[in-house]
PDB file of all heavy atoms in Angstrom:
ATOM      1  N   ALA A   1     -69.103 -27.716  51.939  1.00  0.00           N
ATOM      2  CA  ALA A   1     -67.975 -27.351  52.807  1.00  0.00           C
ATOM      3  C   ALA A   1     -67.639 -28.568  53.656  1.00  0.00           C
ATOM      4  O   ALA A   1     -68.524 -29.132  54.299  1.00  0.00           O
ATOM      5  CB  ALA A   1     -68.300 -26.156  53.666  1.00  0.00           C
ATOM      6  N   VAL A   2     -66.355 -28.926  53.669  1.00  0.00           N
ATOM      7  CA  VAL A   2     -65.919 -30.093  54.464  1.00  0.00           C
ATOM      8  C   VAL A   2     -64.716 -29.661  55.306  1.00  0.00           C
ATOM      9  O   VAL A   2     -63.676 -29.248  54.750  1.00  0.00           O
ATOM     10  CB  VAL A   2     -65.511 -31.252  53.532  1.00  0.00           C
ATOM     11  CG1 VAL A   2     -65.016 -32.423  54.378  1.00  0.00           C
ATOM     12  CG2 VAL A   2     -66.677 -31.666  52.663  1.00  0.00           C
ATOM     13  N   PRO A   3     -64.817 -29.732  56.626  1.00  0.00           N
ATOM     14  CA  PRO A   3     -63.672 -29.443  57.466  1.00  0.00           C
ATOM     15  C   PRO A   3     -62.645 -30.557  57.384  1.00  0.00           C
ATOM     16  O   PRO A   3     -63.031 -31.745  57.284  1.00  0.00           O
ATOM     17  CB  PRO A   3     -64.276 -29.303  58.868  1.00  0.00           C
ATOM     18  CG  PRO A   3     -65.529 -30.118  58.805  1.00  0.00           C
ATOM     19  CD  PRO A   3     -66.019 -30.045  57.405  1.00  0.00           C
ATOM     20  N   THR A   4     -61.384 -30.236  57.465  1.00  0.00           N
ATOM     21  CA  THR A   4     -60.349 -31.265  57.440  1.00  0.00           C
ATOM     22  C   THR A   4     -59.692 -31.324  58.828  1.00  0.00           C
ATOM     23  O   THR A   4     -60.023 -30.548  59.718  1.00  0.00           O
ATOM     24  CB  THR A   4     -59.253 -30.921  56.404  1.00  0.00           C
ATOM     25  OG1 THR A   4     -58.508 -29.796  56.867  1.00  0.00           O
ATOM     26  CG2 THR A   4     -59.887 -30.619  55.050  1.00  0.00           C
ATOM     27  N   ALA A   5     -58.770 -32.241  58.958  1.00  0.00           N
ATOM     28  CA  ALA A   5     -58.035 -32.356  60.231  1.00  0.00           C
ATOM     29  C   ALA A   5     -56.744 -31.541  60.204  1.00  0.00           C
ATOM     30  O   ALA A   5     -56.018 -31.501  61.201  1.00  0.00           O
ATOM     31  CB  ALA A   5     -57.705 -33.824  60.501  1.00  0.00           C
ATOM     32  N   GLU A   6     -56.512 -30.846  59.082  1.00  0.00           N
ATOM     33  CA  GLU A   6     -55.277 -30.083  58.947  1.00  0.00           C
ATOM     34  C   GLU A   6     -55.385 -28.709  59.619  1.00  0.00           C
ATOM     35  O   GLU A   6     -56.349 -27.975  59.411  1.00  0.00           O
ATOM     36  CB  GLU A   6     -54.924 -29.899  57.468  1.00  0.00           C
ATOM     37  CG  GLU A   6     -53.615 -29.161  57.245  1.00  0.00           C
ATOM     38  CD  GLU A   6     -53.296 -28.951  55.783  1.00  0.00           C
ATOM     39  OE1 GLU A   6     -54.080 -29.445  54.931  1.00  0.00           O
ATOM     40  OE2 GLU A   6     -52.308 -28.291  55.467  1.00  0.00           O
ATOM     41  N   ARG A   7     -54.381 -28.390  60.410  1.00  0.00           N
ATOM     42  CA  ARG A   7     -54.358 -27.083  61.098  1.00  0.00           C
ATOM     43  C   ARG A   7     -54.100 -25.976  60.096  1.00  0.00           C
ATOM     44  O   ARG A   7     -53.210 -26.043  59.256  1.00  0.00           O
ATOM     45  CB  ARG A   7     -53.249 -27.110  62.150  1.00  0.00           C
ATOM     46  CG  ARG A   7     -53.257 -25.920  63.104  1.00  0.00           C
ATOM     47  CD  ARG A   7     -54.276 -26.112  64.154  1.00  0.00           C
ATOM     48  NE  ARG A   7     -54.198 -25.066  65.172  1.00  0.00           N
ATOM     49  CZ  ARG A   7     -55.053 -24.937  66.149  1.00  0.00           C
ATOM     50  NH1 ARG A   7     -56.047 -25.797  66.274  1.00  0.00           N
ATOM     51  NH2 ARG A   7     -54.919 -23.978  67.059  1.00  0.00           N
ATOM     52  N   ALA A   8     -54.902 -24.898  60.173  1.00  0.00           N
ATOM     53  CA  ALA A   8     -54.713 -23.746  59.295  1.00  0.00           C
ATOM     54  C   ALA A   8     -53.667 -22.793  59.883  1.00  0.00           C
ATOM     55  O   ALA A   8     -53.546 -22.644  61.094  1.00  0.00           O
ATOM     56  CB  ALA A   8     -56.032 -23.005  59.122  1.00  0.00           C
ATOM     57  N   ARG A   9     -52.896 -22.186  58.995  1.00  0.00           N
ATOM     58  CA  ARG A   9     -51.949 -21.187  59.455  1.00  0.00           C
ATOM     59  C   ARG A   9     -52.698 -19.932  59.911  1.00  0.00           C
ATOM     60  O   ARG A   9     -53.749 -19.619  59.394  1.00  0.00           O
ATOM     61  CB  ARG A   9     -51.013 -20.805  58.315  1.00  0.00           C
ATOM     62  CG  ARG A   9     -50.106 -21.917  57.837  1.00  0.00           C
ATOM     63  CD  ARG A   9     -49.355 -21.479  56.590  1.00  0.00           C
ATOM     64  NE  ARG A   9     -50.281 -21.134  55.501  1.00  0.00           N
ATOM     65  CZ  ARG A   9     -49.906 -20.516  54.385  1.00  0.00           C
ATOM     66  NH1 ARG A   9     -48.633 -20.178  54.209  1.00  0.00           N
ATOM     67  NH2 ARG A   9     -50.812 -20.257  53.434  1.00  0.00           N
ATOM     68  N   PRO A  10     -52.164 -19.210  60.912  1.00  0.00           N
ATOM     69  CA  PRO A  10     -52.837 -17.974  61.336  1.00  0.00           C
ATOM     70  C   PRO A  10     -52.687 -16.892  60.274  1.00  0.00           C
ATOM     71  O   PRO A  10     -51.621 -16.745  59.653  1.00  0.00           O
ATOM     72  CB  PRO A  10     -52.066 -17.604  62.616  1.00  0.00           C
ATOM     73  CG  PRO A  10     -50.735 -18.250  62.484  1.00  0.00           C
ATOM     74  CD  PRO A  10     -50.957 -19.519  61.718  1.00  0.00           C
ATOM     75  N   HIS A  11     -53.761 -16.132  60.042  1.00  0.00           N
ATOM     76  CA  HIS A  11     -53.747 -15.046  59.079  1.00  0.00           C
ATOM     77  C   HIS A  11     -54.333 -13.808  59.713  1.00  0.00           C
ATOM     78  O   HIS A  11     -55.301 -13.884  60.482  1.00  0.00           O
ATOM     79  CB  HIS A  11     -54.553 -15.416  57.831  1.00  0.00           C
ATOM     80  CG  HIS A  11     -53.933 -16.477  57.008  1.00  0.00           C
ATOM     81  ND1 HIS A  11     -52.907 -16.269  56.108  1.00  0.00           N
ATOM     82  CD2 HIS A  11     -54.179 -17.831  56.978  1.00  0.00           C
ATOM     83  CE1 HIS A  11     -52.581 -17.412  55.536  1.00  0.00           C
ATOM     84  NE2 HIS A  11     -53.323 -18.388  56.047  1.00  0.00           N
ATOM     85  N   ASP A  12     -53.777 -12.662  59.399  1.00  0.00           N
ATOM     86  CA  ASP A  12     -54.289 -11.391  59.917  1.00  0.00           C
ATOM     87  C   ASP A  12     -55.487 -10.980  59.065  1.00  0.00           C
ATOM     88  O   ASP A  12     -55.360 -10.773  57.855  1.00  0.00           O
ATOM     89  CB  ASP A  12     -53.192 -10.336  59.854  1.00  0.00           C
ATOM     90  CG  ASP A  12     -53.684  -9.007  60.423  1.00  0.00           C
ATOM     91  OD1 ASP A  12     -53.773  -8.896  61.645  1.00  0.00           O
ATOM     92  OD2 ASP A  12     -53.974  -8.093  59.607  1.00  0.00           O
ATOM     93  N   LEU A  13     -56.642 -10.816  59.700  1.00  0.00           N
ATOM     94  CA  LEU A  13     -57.863 -10.496  58.973  1.00  0.00           C
ATOM     95  C   LEU A  13     -57.762  -9.147  58.274  1.00  0.00           C
ATOM     96  O   LEU A  13     -58.183  -9.001  57.114  1.00  0.00           O
ATOM     97  CB  LEU A  13     -59.062 -10.513  59.938  1.00  0.00           C
ATOM     98  CG  LEU A  13     -60.444 -10.257  59.365  1.00  0.00           C
ATOM     99  CD1 LEU A  13     -60.754 -11.264  58.274  1.00  0.00           C
ATOM    100  CD2 LEU A  13     -61.513 -10.283  60.444  1.00  0.00           C
ATOM    101  N   THR A  14     -57.200  -8.170  58.948  1.00  0.00           N
ATOM    102  CA  THR A  14     -57.050  -6.845  58.346  1.00  0.00           C
ATOM    103  C   THR A  14     -56.196  -6.891  57.103  1.00  0.00           C
ATOM    104  O   THR A  14     -56.492  -6.250  56.086  1.00  0.00           O
ATOM    105  CB  THR A  14     -56.456  -5.852  59.367  1.00  0.00           C
ATOM    106  OG1 THR A  14     -57.266  -5.825  60.544  1.00  0.00           O
ATOM    107  CG2 THR A  14     -56.353  -4.457  58.765  1.00  0.00           C
ATOM    108  N   ALA A  15     -55.111  -7.663  57.138  1.00  0.00           N
ATOM    109  CA  ALA A  15     -54.218  -7.780  55.997  1.00  0.00           C
ATOM    110  C   ALA A  15     -54.916  -8.428  54.822  1.00  0.00           C
ATOM    111  O   ALA A  15     -54.729  -8.036  53.661  1.00  0.00           O
ATOM    112  CB  ALA A  15     -52.982  -8.576  56.380  1.00  0.00           C
ATOM    113  N   LEU A  16     -55.758  -9.421  55.078  1.00  0.00           N
ATOM    114  CA  LEU A  16     -56.467 -10.111  54.000  1.00  0.00           C
ATOM    115  C   LEU A  16     -57.499  -9.168  53.338  1.00  0.00           C
ATOM    116  O   LEU A  16     -57.780  -9.279  52.140  1.00  0.00           O
ATOM    117  CB  LEU A  16     -57.150 -11.356  54.516  1.00  0.00           C
ATOM    118  CG  LEU A  16     -56.249 -12.512  54.940  1.00  0.00           C
ATOM    119  CD1 LEU A  16     -57.097 -13.679  55.434  1.00  0.00           C
ATOM    120  CD2 LEU A  16     -55.380 -12.961  53.782  1.00  0.00           C
ATOM    121  N   LEU A  17     -58.077  -8.251  54.144  1.00  0.00           N
ATOM    122  CA  LEU A  17     -59.079  -7.336  53.612  1.00  0.00           C
ATOM    123  C   LEU A  17     -58.455  -6.125  52.911  1.00  0.00           C
ATOM    124  O   LEU A  17     -59.108  -5.444  52.129  1.00  0.00           O
ATOM    125  CB  LEU A  17     -59.994  -6.839  54.736  1.00  0.00           C
ATOM    126  CG  LEU A  17     -60.894  -7.888  55.387  1.00  0.00           C
ATOM    127  CD1 LEU A  17     -61.623  -7.308  56.586  1.00  0.00           C
ATOM    128  CD2 LEU A  17     -61.899  -8.436  54.387  1.00  0.00           C
ATOM    129  N   ARG A  18     -57.166  -5.870  53.189  1.00  0.00           N
ATOM    130  CA  ARG A  18     -56.523  -4.689  52.626  1.00  0.00           C
ATOM    131  C   ARG A  18     -56.565  -4.734  51.088  1.00  0.00           C
ATOM    132  O   ARG A  18     -56.259  -5.734  50.460  1.00  0.00           O
ATOM    133  CB  ARG A  18     -55.079  -4.609  53.119  1.00  0.00           C
ATOM    134  CG  ARG A  18     -54.400  -3.276  52.839  1.00  0.00           C
ATOM    135  CD  ARG A  18     -53.047  -3.217  53.551  1.00  0.00           C
ATOM    136  NE  ARG A  18     -53.206  -3.240  54.993  1.00  0.00           N
ATOM    137  CZ  ARG A  18     -52.598  -4.074  55.805  1.00  0.00           C
ATOM    138  NH1 ARG A  18     -51.787  -4.988  55.318  1.00  0.00           N
ATOM    139  NH2 ARG A  18     -52.797  -4.022  57.116  1.00  0.00           N
ATOM    140  N   GLY A  19     -56.943  -3.617  50.494  1.00  0.00           N
ATOM    141  CA  GLY A  19     -57.015  -3.531  49.040  1.00  0.00           C
ATOM    142  C   GLY A  19     -58.318  -4.037  48.461  1.00  0.00           C
ATOM    143  O   GLY A  19     -58.529  -3.963  47.257  1.00  0.00           O
ATOM    144  N   SER A  20     -59.225  -4.534  49.302  1.00  0.00           N
ATOM    145  CA  SER A  20     -60.514  -5.028  48.837  1.00  0.00           C
ATOM    146  C   SER A  20     -61.603  -4.009  49.128  1.00  0.00           C
ATOM    147  O   SER A  20     -61.362  -2.975  49.745  1.00  0.00           O
ATOM    148  CB  SER A  20     -60.876  -6.352  49.532  1.00  0.00           C
ATOM    149  OG  SER A  20     -61.238  -6.111  50.877  1.00  0.00           O
ATOM    150  N   ALA A  21     -62.804  -4.286  48.669  1.00  0.00           N
ATOM    151  CA  ALA A  21     -63.944  -3.390  48.908  1.00  0.00           C
ATOM    152  C   ALA A  21     -64.284  -3.334  50.394  1.00  0.00           C
ATOM    153  O   ALA A  21     -64.995  -2.417  50.835  1.00  0.00           O
ATOM    154  CB  ALA A  21     -65.157  -3.856  48.107  1.00  0.00           C
ATOM    155  N   ALA A  22     -63.771  -4.279  51.162  1.00  0.00           N
ATOM    156  CA  ALA A  22     -64.069  -4.341  52.612  1.00  0.00           C
ATOM    157  C   ALA A  22     -62.884  -3.845  53.451  1.00  0.00           C
ATOM    158  O   ALA A  22     -62.794  -4.153  54.635  1.00  0.00           O
ATOM    159  CB  ALA A  22     -64.425  -5.759  53.032  1.00  0.00           C
ATOM    160  N   ALA A  23     -61.997  -3.074  52.837  1.00  0.00           N
ATOM    161  CA  ALA A  23     -60.787  -2.626  53.546  1.00  0.00           C
ATOM    162  C   ALA A  23     -61.103  -1.763  54.750  1.00  0.00           C
ATOM    163  O   ALA A  23     -60.316  -1.716  55.695  1.00  0.00           O
ATOM    164  CB  ALA A  23     -59.873  -1.855  52.579  1.00  0.00           C
ATOM    165  N   ASP A  24     -62.239  -1.075  54.721  1.00  0.00           N
ATOM    166  CA  ASP A  24     -62.604  -0.168  55.832  1.00  0.00           C
ATOM    167  C   ASP A  24     -63.486  -0.867  56.877  1.00  0.00           C
ATOM    168  O   ASP A  24     -64.077  -0.213  57.731  1.00  0.00           O
ATOM    169  CB  ASP A  24     -63.347   1.053  55.286  1.00  0.00           C
ATOM    170  CG  ASP A  24     -62.426   1.916  54.437  1.00  0.00           C
ATOM    171  OD1 ASP A  24     -61.215   1.938  54.684  1.00  0.00           O
ATOM    172  OD2 ASP A  24     -62.961   2.542  53.479  1.00  0.00           O
ATOM    173  N   ALA A  25     -63.567  -2.197  56.816  1.00  0.00           N
ATOM    174  CA  ALA A  25     -64.389  -2.927  57.792  1.00  0.00           C
ATOM    175  C   ALA A  25     -63.894  -2.702  59.214  1.00  0.00           C
ATOM    176  O   ALA A  25     -62.689  -2.636  59.451  1.00  0.00           O
ATOM    177  CB  ALA A  25     -64.386  -4.417  57.464  1.00  0.00           C
ATOM    178  N   VAL A  26     -64.806  -2.545  60.120  1.00  0.00           N
ATOM    179  CA  VAL A  26     -64.481  -2.353  61.535  1.00  0.00           C
ATOM    180  C   VAL A  26     -65.205  -3.361  62.379  1.00  0.00           C
ATOM    181  O   VAL A  26     -66.223  -3.904  61.970  1.00  0.00           O
ATOM    182  CB  VAL A  26     -64.855  -0.911  62.027  1.00  0.00           C
ATOM    183  CG1 VAL A  26     -64.034   0.136  61.272  1.00  0.00           C
ATOM    184  CG2 VAL A  26     -66.372  -0.653  61.820  1.00  0.00           C
ATOM    185  N   ARG A  27     -64.664  -3.639  63.531  1.00  0.00           N
ATOM    186  CA  ARG A  27     -65.292  -4.596  64.427  1.00  0.00           C
ATOM    187  C   ARG A  27     -66.552  -3.983  65.032  1.00  0.00           C
ATOM    188  O   ARG A  27     -66.563  -2.809  65.390  1.00  0.00           O
ATOM    189  CB  ARG A  27     -64.322  -4.962  65.565  1.00  0.00           C
ATOM    190  CG  ARG A  27     -64.790  -6.159  66.392  1.00  0.00           C
ATOM    191  CD  ARG A  27     -63.706  -6.575  67.377  1.00  0.00           C
ATOM    192  NE  ARG A  27     -62.469  -6.908  66.684  1.00  0.00           N
ATOM    193  CZ  ARG A  27     -62.249  -8.022  66.053  1.00  0.00           C
ATOM    194  NH1 ARG A  27     -63.181  -8.944  65.990  1.00  0.00           N
ATOM    195  NH2 ARG A  27     -61.099  -8.247  65.458  1.00  0.00           N
ATOM    196  N   PRO A  28     -67.657  -4.738  65.115  1.00  0.00           N
ATOM    197  CA  PRO A  28     -68.884  -4.207  65.752  1.00  0.00           C
ATOM    198  C   PRO A  28     -68.574  -3.684  67.138  1.00  0.00           C
ATOM    199  O   PRO A  28     -67.745  -4.230  67.871  1.00  0.00           O
ATOM    200  CB  PRO A  28     -69.792  -5.449  65.829  1.00  0.00           C
ATOM    201  CG  PRO A  28     -69.337  -6.329  64.695  1.00  0.00           C
ATOM    202  CD  PRO A  28     -67.844  -6.115  64.623  1.00  0.00           C
ATOM    203  N   THR A  29     -69.212  -2.585  67.488  1.00  0.00           N
ATOM    204  CA  THR A  29     -68.894  -1.911  68.770  1.00  0.00           C
ATOM    205  C   THR A  29     -69.073  -2.839  69.963  1.00  0.00           C
ATOM    206  O   THR A  29     -68.363  -2.692  70.975  1.00  0.00           O
ATOM    207  CB  THR A  29     -69.797  -0.675  68.945  1.00  0.00           C
ATOM    208  OG1 THR A  29     -71.178  -1.055  68.811  1.00  0.00           O
ATOM    209  CG2 THR A  29     -69.493   0.366  67.879  1.00  0.00           C
ATOM    210  N   THR A  30     -69.991  -3.799  69.856  1.00  0.00           N
ATOM    211  CA  THR A  30     -70.194  -4.708  71.018  1.00  0.00           C
ATOM    212  C   THR A  30     -69.019  -5.664  71.185  1.00  0.00           C
ATOM    213  O   THR A  30     -68.821  -6.218  72.265  1.00  0.00           O
ATOM    214  CB  THR A  30     -71.465  -5.514  70.826  1.00  0.00           C
ATOM    215  OG1 THR A  30     -71.458  -6.160  69.549  1.00  0.00           O
ATOM    216  CG2 THR A  30     -72.712  -4.628  70.940  1.00  0.00           C
ATOM    217  N   LEU A  31     -68.229  -5.883  70.095  1.00  0.00           N
ATOM    218  CA  LEU A  31     -67.098  -6.800  70.184  1.00  0.00           C
ATOM    219  C   LEU A  31     -65.789  -6.063  70.356  1.00  0.00           C
ATOM    220  O   LEU A  31     -64.770  -6.675  70.712  1.00  0.00           O
ATOM    221  CB  LEU A  31     -67.028  -7.663  68.927  1.00  0.00           C
ATOM    222  CG  LEU A  31     -68.214  -8.563  68.624  1.00  0.00           C
ATOM    223  CD1 LEU A  31     -67.961  -9.360  67.363  1.00  0.00           C
ATOM    224  CD2 LEU A  31     -68.507  -9.498  69.799  1.00  0.00           C
TER     225      LEU A  31
END
């Protein structure tokens, strides 16, 4: 893994997980 100097576009985590096996993922209660 190599980090670059290029800025990443913002992405919605929930949208990326939608339709996957992790679609029901929830934030830990402490967070």
